[in-house]
Amino acid sequence: MSLYHIILLAVIQGLTEFLPVSSSGHLGLFHCFTDQCAHWDNDNLTMDIAVHVGTLLSVLLYFWRDVIRMVLGVKDIGTGKVKTDNAKLTLYVLLSSIPVIIVGFILHMFEPDWLKTLYVIAWATIIFGVVLWWADKKAPVEREMKDLTLKDAVLIGCAQVLALIPGTSRSGITMTAARFLGFSRSESAHYSMLLAMVAISGAGALIGIGLIKSGDVTLGMDALIAVALSFVSGWVSIAVMMKFLQNSTFTVFAIYRVILGAGLLGLLYSGVIG
């Protein structure tokens, strides 16, 4: 993979991983407008791990206070203090992550080809963009994270399973679920970012296992560049989104998703990409 492609991949991954706009749709376009469209070798797997590491570092450092809270929560749980605020936050994040981990592992074993098509990505990008808009518009109240309950954690976790459909957007579907449950826009994004820590770690681990099985685990300068760029772009996207959602709605993201999905379908049905 050329340096130009590495830069594009890292920046696209970093900018779209946390925004509710479907990183799959953007990466699908990237791969089909480069020579990577149908060729996925060990170098690409290495880059995939690198950009996952970069985005993981960005969300861990941006929400470092929450990371500390969850570390303390693990300590509380270990000592039997499961009712502290830190312990509850840790348990809720883990509980919300269990469904997607289980279903994701099963899908990884079978690897259904139909899930990976650009048609699925395009339609999911559009459909779940509309659902995000509807949830954002119809949400009756504005709850905060301190109001999060066990039931909320389970429901958001079940919704996150839909993110295994490429084009859905993991951040998008978890924010959608949180909005349906009445959480404010910024708090919906906040909880989604905490779930991202587990989701990105899991996805990176699966890719890493595949790379190890291939026998090539070399990480060179290209990978370090990808880590750095995805870290910076990921940090920027989180910061801008969290600031934006304090006073704005998800409408702009929903509109963008519909345009992106429609554009993908247009390219697919016209035969420009396949």
Protein backbone atom coordinates (compact mmCIF):
# COMPACT_ATOMS: atom_id res chain seq x y z
CA MET A 1 0.00 0.00 0.00
CA SER A 2 1.43 3.37 -1.01
CA LEU A 3 2.00 6.22 1.45
CA TYR A 4 -0.83 8.14 -0.23
CA HIS A 5 -3.24 5.27 0.38
CA ILE A 6 -2.04 4.87 3.96
CA ILE A 7 -2.70 8.54 4.69
CA LEU A 8 -6.18 8.38 3.14
CA LEU A 9 -7.08 5.16 4.98
CA ALA A 10 -5.90 6.46 8.36
CA VAL A 11 -7.65 9.81 8.05
CA ILE A 12 -10.90 8.28 6.77
CA GLN A 13 -10.92 5.69 9.55
CA GLY A 14 -10.14 8.27 12.21
CA LEU A 15 -12.75 10.78 11.06
CA THR A 16 -15.57 8.29 10.49
CA GLU A 17 -15.04 5.75 13.29
CA PHE A 18 -16.77 7.89 15.90
CA LEU A 19 -19.18 9.96 13.81
CA PRO A 20 -22.61 8.35 13.19
CA VAL A 21 -21.99 8.25 9.43
CA SER A 22 -20.81 4.68 8.70
CA SER A 23 -17.08 4.15 8.37
CA SER A 24 -17.88 1.08 6.22
CA GLY A 25 -19.42 3.23 3.51
CA HIS A 26 -16.41 5.50 3.34
CA LEU A 27 -13.91 2.65 3.47
CA GLY A 28 -15.88 0.80 0.80
CA LEU A 29 -15.49 3.78 -1.51
CA PHE A 30 -11.82 4.07 -0.60
CA HIS A 31 -11.07 0.45 -1.43
CA CYS A 32 -13.01 0.52 -4.69
CA PHE A 33 -11.36 3.69 -5.96
CA THR A 34 -7.90 2.34 -5.20
CA ASP A 35 -6.15 -0.86 -6.17
CA GLN A 36 -7.25 -2.34 -2.84
CA CYS A 37 -10.80 -3.03 -4.03
CA ALA A 38 -10.46 -6.79 -4.36
CA HIS A 39 -7.04 -7.33 -2.81
CA TRP A 40 -6.70 -7.71 0.93
CA ASP A 41 -3.27 -9.04 1.92
CA ASN A 42 -1.15 -9.00 5.07
CA ASP A 43 -0.03 -5.42 4.48
CA ASN A 44 -3.66 -4.34 4.51
CA LEU A 45 -4.33 -6.34 7.68
CA THR A 46 -1.38 -4.60 9.30
CA MET A 47 -2.78 -1.20 8.31
CA ASP A 48 -6.20 -2.21 9.62
CA ILE A 49 -4.69 -3.03 13.01
CA ALA A 50 -2.71 0.21 12.95
CA VAL A 51 -5.74 2.43 12.36
CA HIS A 52 -7.68 0.55 15.04
CA VAL A 53 -4.85 1.18 17.50
CA GLY A 54 -4.82 4.86 16.58
CA THR A 55 -8.55 5.35 16.99
CA LEU A 56 -8.56 3.35 20.23
CA LEU A 57 -5.84 5.59 21.67
CA SER A 58 -7.78 8.69 20.66
CA VAL A 59 -10.98 7.68 22.46
CA LEU A 60 -9.09 6.40 25.52
CA LEU A 61 -7.18 9.65 25.91
CA TYR A 62 -10.11 11.95 25.11
CA PHE A 63 -12.26 10.25 27.75
CA TRP A 64 -9.40 9.53 30.16
CA ARG A 65 -11.50 10.53 33.17
CA ASP A 66 -14.06 7.86 32.29
CA VAL A 67 -11.27 5.34 31.77
CA ILE A 68 -10.03 6.06 35.29
CA ARG A 69 -13.58 5.74 36.59
CA MET A 70 -13.95 2.33 34.97
CA VAL A 71 -10.58 1.16 36.28
CA LEU A 72 -11.71 2.17 39.75
CA GLY A 73 -15.00 0.45 38.98
CA VAL A 74 -13.19 -2.81 38.32
CA LYS A 75 -11.47 -2.40 41.68
CA ASP A 76 -14.81 -1.75 43.38
CA ILE A 77 -16.36 -4.80 41.75
CA GLY A 78 -13.40 -6.91 42.83
CA THR A 79 -13.94 -5.87 46.43
CA GLY A 80 -17.68 -6.46 46.29
CA LYS A 81 -18.69 -2.78 46.04
CA VAL A 82 -20.95 -3.21 43.03
CA LYS A 83 -23.29 -0.32 43.83
CA THR A 84 -20.80 2.53 43.53
CA ASP A 85 -21.17 4.90 40.56
CA ASN A 86 -17.86 3.72 39.11
CA ALA A 87 -18.81 0.05 39.43
CA LYS A 88 -22.19 0.66 37.80
CA LEU A 89 -20.63 2.49 34.86
CA THR A 90 -18.14 -0.34 34.34
CA LEU A 91 -20.82 -3.01 34.56
CA TYR A 92 -23.16 -1.15 32.20
CA VAL A 93 -20.44 -0.69 29.56
CA LEU A 94 -19.51 -4.37 29.78
CA LEU A 95 -23.15 -5.43 29.72
CA SER A 96 -23.82 -3.31 26.64
CA SER A 97 -20.82 -4.92 24.94
CA ILE A 98 -21.64 -8.58 25.58
CA PRO A 99 -24.29 -9.04 22.84
CA VAL A 100 -22.12 -7.67 20.02
CA ILE A 101 -19.11 -9.67 21.24
CA ILE A 102 -21.07 -12.93 21.18
CA VAL A 103 -22.82 -12.36 17.84
CA GLY A 104 -19.68 -10.86 16.33
CA PHE A 105 -17.65 -13.93 17.25
CA ILE A 106 -20.26 -16.20 15.67
CA LEU A 107 -20.34 -14.16 12.46
CA HIS A 108 -16.55 -14.11 12.36
CA MET A 109 -16.53 -17.91 12.30
CA PHE A 110 -19.00 -18.16 9.42
CA GLU A 111 -18.07 -14.92 7.58
CA PRO A 112 -21.23 -14.59 5.42
CA ASP A 113 -20.23 -12.99 2.11
CA TRP A 114 -23.54 -11.18 1.62
CA LEU A 115 -22.82 -8.97 4.63
CA LYS A 116 -19.72 -7.57 2.96
CA THR A 117 -21.30 -6.33 -0.28
CA LEU A 118 -21.40 -2.63 -1.10
CA TYR A 119 -25.14 -2.95 -1.75
CA VAL A 120 -25.70 -3.92 1.89
CA ILE A 121 -23.43 -1.10 3.04
CA ALA A 122 -25.25 1.46 0.89
CA TRP A 123 -28.77 0.46 1.94
CA ALA A 124 -27.81 0.18 5.62
CA THR A 125 -26.21 3.62 5.46
CA ILE A 126 -29.47 5.11 4.17
CA ILE A 127 -31.93 3.14 6.32
CA PHE A 128 -30.18 3.63 9.64
CA GLY A 129 -29.53 7.26 8.79
CA VAL A 130 -33.28 7.77 8.54
CA VAL A 131 -33.80 5.85 11.80
CA LEU A 132 -31.24 8.11 13.51
CA TRP A 133 -33.11 11.20 12.31
CA TRP A 134 -36.45 9.80 13.47
CA ALA A 135 -35.14 8.83 16.91
CA ASP A 136 -33.52 12.22 17.34
CA LYS A 137 -36.71 14.02 16.38
CA LYS A 138 -39.09 11.89 18.45
CA ALA A 139 -37.04 11.52 21.67
CA PRO A 140 -39.45 12.68 24.43
CA VAL A 141 -37.05 13.64 27.23
CA GLU A 142 -33.40 14.45 27.80
CA ARG A 143 -31.81 12.12 30.33
CA GLU A 144 -28.19 12.15 31.47
CA MET A 145 -25.71 9.31 31.90
CA LYS A 146 -26.29 9.32 35.65
CA ASP A 147 -29.84 8.18 34.82
CA LEU A 148 -28.58 5.09 32.95
CA THR A 149 -30.19 1.86 34.17
CA LEU A 150 -29.55 -1.84 33.69
CA LYS A 151 -32.43 -1.97 31.22
CA ASP A 152 -30.95 0.90 29.20
CA ALA A 153 -27.57 -0.84 29.04
CA VAL A 154 -29.16 -4.07 27.79
CA LEU A 155 -31.28 -2.33 25.14
CA ILE A 156 -28.38 -0.25 23.83
CA GLY A 157 -26.23 -3.39 23.80
CA CYS A 158 -28.82 -5.30 21.78
CA ALA A 159 -29.06 -2.40 19.33
CA GLN A 160 -25.28 -2.43 18.94
CA VAL A 161 -25.54 -5.92 17.43
CA LEU A 162 -27.04 -4.27 14.34
CA ALA A 163 -23.67 -2.59 13.82
CA LEU A 164 -22.39 -5.95 12.57
CA ILE A 165 -24.30 -5.14 9.39
CA PRO A 166 -21.75 -3.04 7.46
CA GLY A 167 -23.06 0.44 6.82
CA THR A 168 -25.13 0.59 10.00
CA SER A 169 -22.42 2.47 11.95
CA ARG A 170 -21.65 1.27 15.46
CA SER A 171 -21.63 4.78 16.85
CA GLY A 172 -24.74 5.65 14.86
CA ILE A 173 -26.87 2.76 16.10
CA THR A 174 -25.84 3.16 19.75
CA MET A 175 -26.55 6.89 19.63
CA THR A 176 -29.88 6.12 17.96
CA ALA A 177 -30.81 3.65 20.70
CA ALA A 178 -29.80 6.11 23.42
CA ARG A 179 -31.89 8.85 21.80
CA PHE A 180 -34.88 6.49 21.61
CA LEU A 181 -34.44 5.98 25.36
CA GLY A 182 -34.52 9.74 25.92
CA PHE A 183 -30.86 10.53 26.53
CA SER A 184 -29.58 13.92 25.38
CA ARG A 185 -27.57 14.09 22.18
CA SER A 186 -24.27 14.76 23.90
CA GLU A 187 -24.89 12.06 26.51
CA SER A 188 -25.88 9.58 23.80
CA ALA A 189 -22.59 10.28 22.05
CA HIS A 190 -20.69 10.09 25.34
CA TYR A 191 -21.97 6.60 26.16
CA SER A 192 -21.40 5.49 22.57
CA MET A 193 -17.76 6.55 22.86
CA LEU A 194 -17.32 4.45 26.01
CA LEU A 195 -18.72 1.44 24.17
CA ALA A 196 -16.32 2.18 21.32
CA MET A 197 -13.40 1.38 23.61
CA VAL A 198 -14.57 -2.21 23.92
CA ALA A 199 -15.79 -2.55 20.33
CA ILE A 200 -12.59 -1.25 18.74
CA SER A 201 -10.48 -3.42 21.04
CA GLY A 202 -12.48 -6.49 20.04
CA ALA A 203 -12.36 -5.73 16.32
CA GLY A 204 -8.64 -5.06 16.49
CA ALA A 205 -8.08 -8.32 18.35
CA LEU A 206 -9.90 -10.34 15.67
CA ILE A 207 -7.87 -8.69 12.92
CA GLY A 208 -4.71 -9.31 14.93
CA ILE A 209 -5.52 -13.00 15.26
CA GLY A 210 -5.94 -13.20 11.49
CA LEU A 211 -2.59 -11.50 10.97
CA ILE A 212 -0.82 -13.79 13.43
CA LYS A 213 -2.26 -16.83 11.67
CA SER A 214 -0.88 -15.50 8.40
CA GLY A 215 2.62 -15.59 9.88
CA ASP A 216 3.44 -11.94 9.10
CA VAL A 217 3.28 -9.61 12.08
CA THR A 218 5.82 -7.03 10.96
CA LEU A 219 4.93 -3.45 11.94
CA GLY A 220 7.06 -0.91 10.12
CA MET A 221 7.13 2.84 9.68
CA ASP A 222 4.01 2.76 7.49
CA ALA A 223 2.03 1.27 10.36
CA LEU A 224 3.33 3.89 12.78
CA ILE A 225 2.25 6.63 10.37
CA ALA A 226 -1.22 5.05 10.19
CA VAL A 227 -1.43 4.92 14.00
CA ALA A 228 -0.45 8.57 14.33
CA LEU A 229 -2.79 9.87 11.63
CA SER A 230 -5.80 7.84 12.77
CA PHE A 231 -5.13 8.98 16.34
CA VAL A 232 -5.08 12.67 15.40
CA SER A 233 -8.08 12.48 13.05
CA GLY A 234 -10.00 10.37 15.59
CA TRP A 235 -9.32 12.89 18.34
CA VAL A 236 -10.43 15.77 16.13
CA SER A 237 -13.66 14.02 15.10
CA ILE A 238 -14.57 13.24 18.72
CA ALA A 239 -13.83 16.78 19.89
CA VAL A 240 -15.77 18.41 17.07
CA MET A 241 -18.74 16.05 17.43
CA MET A 242 -19.03 16.44 21.21
CA LYS A 243 -18.91 20.22 20.85
CA PHE A 244 -21.36 20.20 17.95
CA LEU A 245 -23.95 18.05 19.74
CA GLN A 246 -24.15 20.41 22.70
CA ASN A 247 -26.30 22.77 20.65
CA SER A 248 -27.20 20.91 17.45
CA THR A 249 -29.15 17.87 16.29
CA PHE A 250 -28.22 14.68 14.44
CA THR A 251 -30.05 15.87 11.32
CA VAL A 252 -26.90 16.86 9.45
CA PHE A 253 -25.46 13.37 9.99
CA ALA A 254 -28.69 11.72 8.83
CA ILE A 255 -28.79 13.83 5.66
CA TYR A 256 -25.14 13.09 4.96
CA ARG A 257 -25.77 9.35 5.36
CA VAL A 258 -28.65 9.40 2.90
CA ILE A 259 -26.53 11.29 0.36
CA LEU A 260 -23.58 8.91 0.87
CA GLY A 261 -25.75 5.80 0.58
CA ALA A 262 -27.58 7.12 -2.47
CA GLY A 263 -24.26 8.01 -4.07
CA LEU A 264 -22.95 4.50 -3.45
CA LEU A 265 -26.08 2.96 -4.96
CA GLY A 266 -25.80 5.23 -7.97
CA LEU A 267 -22.21 4.14 -8.57
CA LEU A 268 -23.12 0.49 -8.07
CA TYR A 269 -26.19 0.39 -10.31
CA SER A 270 -24.43 2.42 -13.02
CA GLY A 271 -21.56 -0.05 -13.02
CA VAL A 272 -18.89 2.48 -12.06
CA ILE A 273 -17.96 0.27 -9.10
CA GLY A 274 -18.92 -3.29 -8.37
